[in-house]
């Protein structure tokens, strides 16, 4: 569960970014704003841990490198690679759910 949003912190970041607009490139500005959004999203996430075989870790790291090469200028972490793969796998698996299984998914959301 995420804690309260620090509005003063948000205002300070926005003030710094606004002051820097005239002195930085658009790419730097985009990265700064993305970082701010990423921090907000990270605060809203639960952290979990897994134990994987080395072969799987190697494959995950390779997938992250491939993702990074396709999205120039964006650093893809191992967690980003895992999250992307999990979303993709779950989206595919959920397509095959029966109506009863879909109802269970809806019930767990509430």
N, C-alpha and C. Protein backbone atom coordinates (compact mmCIF):
# COMPACT_ATOMS: atom_id res chain seq x y z
N UNK A 1 0.84 -1.18 0.00
CA UNK A 1 0.00 0.00 0.00
C UNK A 1 0.89 1.24 0.00
N UNK A 2 0.58 2.18 -0.80
CA UNK A 2 1.38 3.39 -0.93
C UNK A 2 1.07 4.35 0.21
N UNK A 3 2.10 5.08 0.61
CA UNK A 3 1.92 6.08 1.65
C UNK A 3 1.37 7.36 1.05
N UNK A 4 1.21 8.37 1.89
CA UNK A 4 0.70 9.64 1.39
C UNK A 4 1.69 10.30 0.43
N UNK A 5 1.17 11.05 -0.49
CA UNK A 5 2.00 11.77 -1.46
C UNK A 5 2.57 13.01 -0.78
N UNK A 6 3.86 13.20 -0.93
CA UNK A 6 4.53 14.36 -0.35
C UNK A 6 4.37 15.53 -1.33
N UNK A 7 3.35 16.36 -1.10
CA UNK A 7 3.06 17.46 -2.02
C UNK A 7 4.17 18.50 -2.05
N UNK A 8 4.80 18.76 -0.91
CA UNK A 8 5.92 19.71 -0.90
C UNK A 8 7.06 19.21 -1.78
N UNK A 9 7.34 17.93 -1.70
CA UNK A 9 8.38 17.35 -2.54
C UNK A 9 8.02 17.49 -4.01
N UNK A 10 6.77 17.19 -4.33
CA UNK A 10 6.31 17.32 -5.72
C UNK A 10 6.47 18.76 -6.21
N UNK A 11 6.11 19.72 -5.38
CA UNK A 11 6.24 21.14 -5.77
C UNK A 11 7.70 21.53 -5.97
N UNK A 12 8.58 21.04 -5.09
CA UNK A 12 10.01 21.35 -5.24
C UNK A 12 10.55 20.78 -6.54
N UNK A 13 10.20 19.56 -6.84
CA UNK A 13 10.66 18.93 -8.08
C UNK A 13 10.15 19.71 -9.28
N UNK A 14 8.87 20.05 -9.26
CA UNK A 14 8.31 20.81 -10.39
C UNK A 14 8.98 22.17 -10.53
N UNK A 15 9.31 22.83 -9.41
CA UNK A 15 9.97 24.13 -9.47
C UNK A 15 11.36 23.99 -10.07
N UNK A 16 12.09 22.96 -9.67
CA UNK A 16 13.42 22.73 -10.22
C UNK A 16 13.33 22.46 -11.71
N UNK A 17 12.40 21.61 -12.09
CA UNK A 17 12.24 21.27 -13.50
C UNK A 17 11.84 22.51 -14.30
N UNK A 18 10.91 23.30 -13.77
CA UNK A 18 10.47 24.51 -14.46
C UNK A 18 11.62 25.48 -14.64
N UNK A 19 12.44 25.67 -13.61
CA UNK A 19 13.60 26.56 -13.71
C UNK A 19 14.61 26.08 -14.73
N UNK A 20 14.69 24.76 -14.88
CA UNK A 20 15.68 24.19 -15.77
C UNK A 20 15.24 24.14 -17.23
N UNK A 21 13.99 24.42 -17.49
CA UNK A 21 13.46 24.29 -18.85
C UNK A 21 14.29 25.05 -19.87
N UNK A 22 14.72 26.25 -19.52
CA UNK A 22 15.43 27.08 -20.49
C UNK A 22 16.88 26.66 -20.67
N UNK A 23 17.40 25.81 -19.79
CA UNK A 23 18.83 25.49 -19.86
C UNK A 23 19.12 24.04 -20.23
N UNK A 24 18.11 23.19 -20.36
CA UNK A 24 18.37 21.79 -20.68
C UNK A 24 17.70 21.40 -21.99
N UNK A 25 18.18 20.30 -22.52
CA UNK A 25 17.61 19.80 -23.76
C UNK A 25 16.26 19.15 -23.49
N UNK A 26 15.43 19.02 -24.51
CA UNK A 26 14.14 18.34 -24.35
C UNK A 26 14.30 16.90 -23.86
N UNK A 27 15.38 16.22 -24.29
CA UNK A 27 15.60 14.85 -23.86
C UNK A 27 15.85 14.78 -22.35
N UNK A 28 16.66 15.72 -21.85
CA UNK A 28 16.95 15.75 -20.42
C UNK A 28 15.68 16.04 -19.64
N UNK A 29 14.87 16.95 -20.15
CA UNK A 29 13.62 17.30 -19.49
C UNK A 29 12.69 16.09 -19.43
N UNK A 30 12.60 15.37 -20.51
CA UNK A 30 11.75 14.18 -20.55
C UNK A 30 12.23 13.16 -19.53
N UNK A 31 13.55 12.96 -19.45
CA UNK A 31 14.09 12.01 -18.48
C UNK A 31 13.77 12.43 -17.05
N UNK A 32 13.88 13.72 -16.76
CA UNK A 32 13.59 14.20 -15.40
C UNK A 32 12.13 13.96 -15.03
N UNK A 33 11.24 14.26 -15.97
CA UNK A 33 9.81 14.05 -15.70
C UNK A 33 9.49 12.57 -15.59
N UNK A 34 10.10 11.76 -16.43
CA UNK A 34 9.88 10.32 -16.36
C UNK A 34 10.37 9.77 -15.02
N UNK A 35 11.50 10.29 -14.54
CA UNK A 35 12.03 9.84 -13.26
C UNK A 35 11.05 10.17 -12.13
N UNK A 36 10.48 11.36 -12.18
CA UNK A 36 9.50 11.76 -11.16
C UNK A 36 8.29 10.82 -11.19
N UNK A 37 7.78 10.54 -12.37
CA UNK A 37 6.64 9.65 -12.49
C UNK A 37 7.00 8.24 -12.02
N UNK A 38 8.21 7.79 -12.35
CA UNK A 38 8.66 6.46 -11.96
C UNK A 38 8.74 6.35 -10.44
N UNK A 39 9.24 7.40 -9.77
CA UNK A 39 9.29 7.38 -8.30
C UNK A 39 7.89 7.26 -7.71
N UNK A 40 6.94 7.98 -8.28
CA UNK A 40 5.56 7.90 -7.80
C UNK A 40 5.00 6.50 -7.99
N UNK A 41 5.26 5.89 -9.14
CA UNK A 41 4.77 4.54 -9.39
C UNK A 41 5.44 3.53 -8.48
N UNK A 42 6.73 3.70 -8.22
CA UNK A 42 7.44 2.77 -7.37
C UNK A 42 6.87 2.79 -5.95
N UNK A 43 6.45 3.95 -5.48
CA UNK A 43 5.90 4.06 -4.14
C UNK A 43 4.60 3.27 -4.03
N UNK A 44 3.92 3.07 -5.14
CA UNK A 44 2.62 2.40 -5.13
C UNK A 44 2.74 0.89 -5.34
N UNK A 45 3.95 0.36 -5.41
CA UNK A 45 4.13 -1.06 -5.69
C UNK A 45 4.52 -1.83 -4.44
N UNK A 46 4.08 -3.08 -4.41
CA UNK A 46 4.54 -4.00 -3.38
C UNK A 46 5.80 -4.67 -3.89
N UNK A 47 6.72 -4.93 -3.00
CA UNK A 47 7.96 -5.59 -3.39
C UNK A 47 7.87 -7.06 -3.03
N UNK A 48 8.22 -7.93 -3.99
CA UNK A 48 8.25 -9.37 -3.74
C UNK A 48 9.58 -9.91 -4.27
N UNK A 49 9.95 -11.08 -3.82
CA UNK A 49 11.22 -11.68 -4.25
C UNK A 49 10.97 -13.08 -4.78
N UNK A 50 11.80 -13.49 -5.72
CA UNK A 50 11.75 -14.82 -6.31
C UNK A 50 13.15 -15.40 -6.32
N UNK A 51 13.23 -16.72 -6.33
CA UNK A 51 14.50 -17.41 -6.52
C UNK A 51 14.44 -18.08 -7.90
N UNK A 52 15.39 -17.72 -8.76
CA UNK A 52 15.44 -18.26 -10.11
C UNK A 52 16.77 -18.98 -10.34
N UNK A 53 16.73 -19.97 -11.23
CA UNK A 53 17.96 -20.62 -11.66
C UNK A 53 18.79 -19.61 -12.46
N UNK A 54 20.11 -19.81 -12.48
CA UNK A 54 21.00 -18.89 -13.18
C UNK A 54 20.64 -18.79 -14.66
N UNK A 55 20.25 -19.91 -15.27
CA UNK A 55 19.89 -19.90 -16.69
C UNK A 55 18.73 -18.93 -16.95
N UNK A 56 17.73 -18.95 -16.07
CA UNK A 56 16.59 -18.05 -16.24
C UNK A 56 17.01 -16.59 -16.03
N UNK A 57 17.87 -16.35 -15.05
CA UNK A 57 18.36 -14.98 -14.82
C UNK A 57 19.11 -14.48 -16.04
N UNK A 58 19.93 -15.34 -16.63
CA UNK A 58 20.66 -14.96 -17.84
C UNK A 58 19.70 -14.62 -18.97
N UNK A 59 18.66 -15.43 -19.12
CA UNK A 59 17.66 -15.16 -20.16
C UNK A 59 16.91 -13.86 -19.89
N UNK A 60 16.58 -13.60 -18.62
CA UNK A 60 15.91 -12.34 -18.27
C UNK A 60 16.79 -11.14 -18.60
N UNK A 61 18.07 -11.24 -18.23
CA UNK A 61 18.99 -10.14 -18.51
C UNK A 61 19.12 -9.91 -20.01
N UNK A 62 19.18 -10.99 -20.78
CA UNK A 62 19.26 -10.86 -22.23
C UNK A 62 18.00 -10.19 -22.78
N UNK A 63 16.84 -10.61 -22.26
CA UNK A 63 15.58 -9.99 -22.71
C UNK A 63 15.59 -8.49 -22.38
N UNK A 64 16.09 -8.13 -21.21
CA UNK A 64 16.19 -6.72 -20.85
C UNK A 64 17.09 -5.96 -21.80
N UNK A 65 18.20 -6.57 -22.21
CA UNK A 65 19.10 -5.93 -23.17
C UNK A 65 18.42 -5.74 -24.52
N UNK A 66 17.67 -6.74 -24.94
CA UNK A 66 16.94 -6.63 -26.22
C UNK A 66 15.90 -5.50 -26.13
N UNK A 67 15.16 -5.46 -25.01
CA UNK A 67 14.18 -4.39 -24.82
C UNK A 67 14.86 -3.02 -24.87
N UNK A 68 15.99 -2.90 -24.17
CA UNK A 68 16.73 -1.64 -24.15
C UNK A 68 17.23 -1.24 -25.52
N UNK A 69 17.66 -2.21 -26.32
CA UNK A 69 18.15 -1.88 -27.66
C UNK A 69 17.01 -1.41 -28.58
N UNK A 70 15.80 -1.85 -28.29
CA UNK A 70 14.65 -1.44 -29.09
C UNK A 70 14.10 -0.08 -28.67
N UNK A 71 14.42 0.33 -27.45
CA UNK A 71 13.93 1.62 -26.93
C UNK A 71 15.13 2.45 -26.55
N UNK A 72 15.76 3.04 -27.53
CA UNK A 72 16.99 3.79 -27.30
C UNK A 72 16.78 4.89 -26.28
N UNK A 73 17.76 5.03 -25.41
CA UNK A 73 17.73 6.07 -24.41
C UNK A 73 17.00 5.68 -23.14
N UNK A 74 16.41 4.49 -23.11
CA UNK A 74 15.69 4.04 -21.92
C UNK A 74 16.44 2.87 -21.32
N UNK A 75 16.79 2.97 -20.04
CA UNK A 75 17.48 1.88 -19.35
C UNK A 75 16.42 0.90 -18.85
N UNK A 76 16.56 -0.33 -19.26
CA UNK A 76 15.62 -1.39 -18.87
C UNK A 76 16.27 -2.23 -17.78
N UNK A 77 15.68 -2.24 -16.62
CA UNK A 77 16.21 -3.02 -15.50
C UNK A 77 15.72 -4.46 -15.59
N UNK A 78 16.31 -5.31 -14.77
CA UNK A 78 15.85 -6.70 -14.70
C UNK A 78 14.39 -6.73 -14.25
N UNK A 79 14.04 -5.87 -13.29
CA UNK A 79 12.66 -5.82 -12.82
C UNK A 79 11.70 -5.40 -13.94
N UNK A 80 12.14 -4.45 -14.78
CA UNK A 80 11.31 -4.04 -15.92
C UNK A 80 11.08 -5.22 -16.85
N UNK A 81 12.14 -6.00 -17.11
CA UNK A 81 12.02 -7.15 -18.00
C UNK A 81 11.05 -8.18 -17.41
N UNK A 82 11.20 -8.47 -16.12
CA UNK A 82 10.32 -9.44 -15.47
C UNK A 82 8.88 -8.96 -15.51
N UNK A 83 8.67 -7.69 -15.17
CA UNK A 83 7.32 -7.13 -15.14
C UNK A 83 6.67 -7.20 -16.52
N UNK A 84 7.41 -6.85 -17.55
CA UNK A 84 6.89 -6.88 -18.92
C UNK A 84 6.51 -8.31 -19.32
N UNK A 85 7.40 -9.25 -19.03
CA UNK A 85 7.12 -10.65 -19.36
C UNK A 85 5.92 -11.19 -18.59
N UNK A 86 5.80 -10.83 -17.32
CA UNK A 86 4.66 -11.29 -16.53
C UNK A 86 3.35 -10.74 -17.07
N UNK A 87 3.33 -9.45 -17.38
CA UNK A 87 2.10 -8.87 -17.95
C UNK A 87 1.73 -9.57 -19.25
N UNK A 88 2.72 -9.79 -20.11
CA UNK A 88 2.46 -10.44 -21.40
C UNK A 88 1.93 -11.86 -21.19
N UNK A 89 2.57 -12.61 -20.31
CA UNK A 89 2.15 -14.00 -20.06
C UNK A 89 0.76 -14.05 -19.43
N UNK A 90 0.49 -13.16 -18.49
CA UNK A 90 -0.83 -13.14 -17.85
C UNK A 90 -1.92 -12.73 -18.84
N UNK A 91 -1.62 -11.74 -19.69
CA UNK A 91 -2.60 -11.33 -20.70
C UNK A 91 -2.95 -12.50 -21.61
N UNK A 92 -1.95 -13.27 -22.02
CA UNK A 92 -2.19 -14.43 -22.88
C UNK A 92 -2.96 -15.52 -22.14
N UNK A 93 -2.56 -15.80 -20.90
CA UNK A 93 -3.22 -16.85 -20.13
C UNK A 93 -4.68 -16.50 -19.87
N UNK A 94 -4.95 -15.25 -19.57
CA UNK A 94 -6.32 -14.84 -19.24
C UNK A 94 -7.26 -14.92 -20.44
N UNK A 95 -6.72 -14.94 -21.65
CA UNK A 95 -7.56 -15.11 -22.84
C UNK A 95 -8.24 -16.47 -22.84
N UNK A 96 -7.60 -17.45 -22.23
CA UNK A 96 -8.13 -18.82 -22.23
C UNK A 96 -8.98 -19.13 -21.01
N UNK A 97 -9.22 -18.18 -20.13
CA UNK A 97 -10.01 -18.44 -18.93
C UNK A 97 -11.45 -18.78 -19.29
N UNK A 98 -12.01 -19.70 -18.53
CA UNK A 98 -13.43 -19.98 -18.67
C UNK A 98 -14.20 -18.84 -18.00
N UNK A 99 -15.51 -18.82 -18.20
CA UNK A 99 -16.33 -17.77 -17.56
C UNK A 99 -16.21 -17.84 -16.04
N UNK A 100 -16.17 -19.05 -15.49
CA UNK A 100 -16.04 -19.21 -14.04
C UNK A 100 -14.70 -18.68 -13.55
N UNK A 101 -13.65 -18.93 -14.32
CA UNK A 101 -12.32 -18.42 -13.93
C UNK A 101 -12.26 -16.90 -14.05
N UNK A 102 -12.92 -16.34 -15.06
CA UNK A 102 -12.99 -14.89 -15.20
C UNK A 102 -13.73 -14.26 -14.02
N UNK A 103 -14.77 -14.94 -13.54
CA UNK A 103 -15.52 -14.45 -12.39
C UNK A 103 -14.64 -14.42 -11.15
N UNK A 104 -13.79 -15.43 -10.98
CA UNK A 104 -12.85 -15.44 -9.85
C UNK A 104 -11.90 -14.26 -9.91
N UNK A 105 -11.44 -13.93 -11.12
CA UNK A 105 -10.54 -12.79 -11.30
C UNK A 105 -11.24 -11.50 -10.93
N UNK A 106 -12.47 -11.34 -11.33
CA UNK A 106 -13.25 -10.14 -11.01
C UNK A 106 -13.52 -10.05 -9.52
N UNK A 107 -13.83 -11.18 -8.88
CA UNK A 107 -14.08 -11.20 -7.44
C UNK A 107 -12.85 -10.81 -6.64
N UNK A 108 -11.65 -11.21 -7.09
CA UNK A 108 -10.43 -10.90 -6.35
C UNK A 108 -10.04 -9.44 -6.48
N UNK A 109 -10.54 -8.73 -7.50
CA UNK A 109 -10.25 -7.31 -7.67
C UNK A 109 -11.01 -6.45 -6.68
N UNK A 110 -12.14 -6.93 -6.18
CA UNK A 110 -12.96 -6.09 -5.29
C UNK A 110 -12.65 -6.30 -3.84
